[in-house]
């Protein structure tokens, strides 16, 4: 075993010598003023005529986002309509599954003071099906991303996924029409509609996010002069961040209006119209997509890039394995891990699949680093996903004073609509003026902490629900002699803290993660890397199935409390492990674009 150790150290030692030789060479050329500190790149038409910042200006000048292209706003409108449909319909899923069909109702509606319902399958089935729907909707993005990057491109894939979702919405409407609603056929059709709409939503999600950001095409920082005469740096990464801020702003307008409107339709008219309304609004998406055809900037598919990226990764691992596990880990995580996979470093004949340059390998390295940050997101999504089932059920055990219990989740998109512009126009510019560089990974870590705080709030509220409910620890099934629900005396608006804290966590973690996925992925793998981010939500939904056993009385305090602790501790570990990557932010963003044939 000891005889293997020198062999596993040889490639690492050679790479280290080569790295030091390159540093010495670059330093000598820099002293002779033969090259600048940054790599000199050929100026493309998008950057022609622009003034680029010097090293001194990169440190001293204020950075600002550039203007957002109008085509990005059009795509945001497509996202608004799709999210109206997705969140509008899913807002009433909990009551549709959990609560029984009200007496003398053929539509599921039961008026101002009644409880809407349809299937009457209980809270555990409600939590199970809604968690499955979240899982399915975040697994299918991988297939949508692969199809887009390899065959169709993002625009065509989005159009096809819109059509699939529309078909699923029609099935959902049929499951809720009078005569079918409430029976086994209704349950079967409803589950089928979840499967179909989840397929469409998944493919849509993984491609609409890269499509909206790639409408802004500049990739290099440049100098601009404000109206007051101040010289500033226009930073593409800040522009991408702003695009995603307002994209999220638009889709939450759709989510808010959809959820509020559909919940009241459910309560006063019935589920058939509650599912029809989102379908009608969804028709706006194909119309805007058709109108913008030929105007959107799109990236063509480039074939099976994933297979090549995996080959690069495997090629880089050659010679780095040995019997000593500690040395193996060090070799696989070394700074020069990817050097041996660069075409310029290959000795002899290159493999036939190596049809790219060194810069593309650097882009793949950057994409792998981004995905390593996403590994922690299942824990974050575990806290966020409580909004979609258990917090809605919690509201039903409190005094609502005629307010539908499933309208409380609307506080989340409402808070986002209020706080996104405040962060963009007040908080982030203030941090720039104070010379505080609030980098993406720092924002994500803060999102973990606020998500944990939201769950801690929910745990405290649940504790006091049990203390004030006539049935104590069995608040969810507490009824009087006539079968009418008996609820806690606590006002339902006490839940507001959880929703506001979750909204802030989305601004810091969710929006930033989309920005991070887009800016760190190779251009021809953006949908795929975005789907990896979305897949973490699917993992969270699968883990959430393990928490279904806690999603019932008298264990709900443990449910919220345990998630709060897990999310908070994970945020601390995330920051400890990602601090070094956070310091490389500018270097990763300003990397030269690679060539892939």
Foldseek 3Di string as FASTA:
>chain_A
DVVFVVLLCVVVVVLVVVVVVVVVVVVVCVVVVVQAPDHDDDDDPVCPPFAADDPVCVQVFFEDADDADVVLVLLLLLLLLLLLQVLLLLLCLQQAQAPDQDPPDQFQADALPDRGYFANPHQLVSLLLVLVLLLLLLQLLLVLLQCQQAPNNLLVSLLVLLVQLLVLLVLLLVLRHGPNTHDPNSVVSNSVSSNRNSNSNSSNQLRSLLQSLVQDPDQGWGWDADPVGGIHIHHSLNNSLLSLLVSLLSNLVSSLVSNVVLLVCCHHPHSSVSSVVSSVSSVVNVVSSVVCVVVGDTDHHDRRVVVVLVVLLVQLLPSNDDPPVVSSVCQSPPPCSNVCSAPVNDPDDDDPQPFWGRLVSVLSVLLVVLLVLLVLCLLLLLLVCCLSRLQLLVQVQEDAVSPRSSSLLSLQSVLSNVVSVCCVPPVVVVCSVVVNDCFLLNLLLVLLLLSLVLLLLVLVVLQVFLVFWPVRQQSSCDADPVRHHTHGHDHSCSNSSSSNSNNSSCSRRVSSSSSSLNQSHAPSSSSNSSSSSSSSSSVSSVVVSVCSVQSGTNRVSVSSNVSSVSSNVSSVVSCVVCVVVRVCVVVSSNRDHMDGD
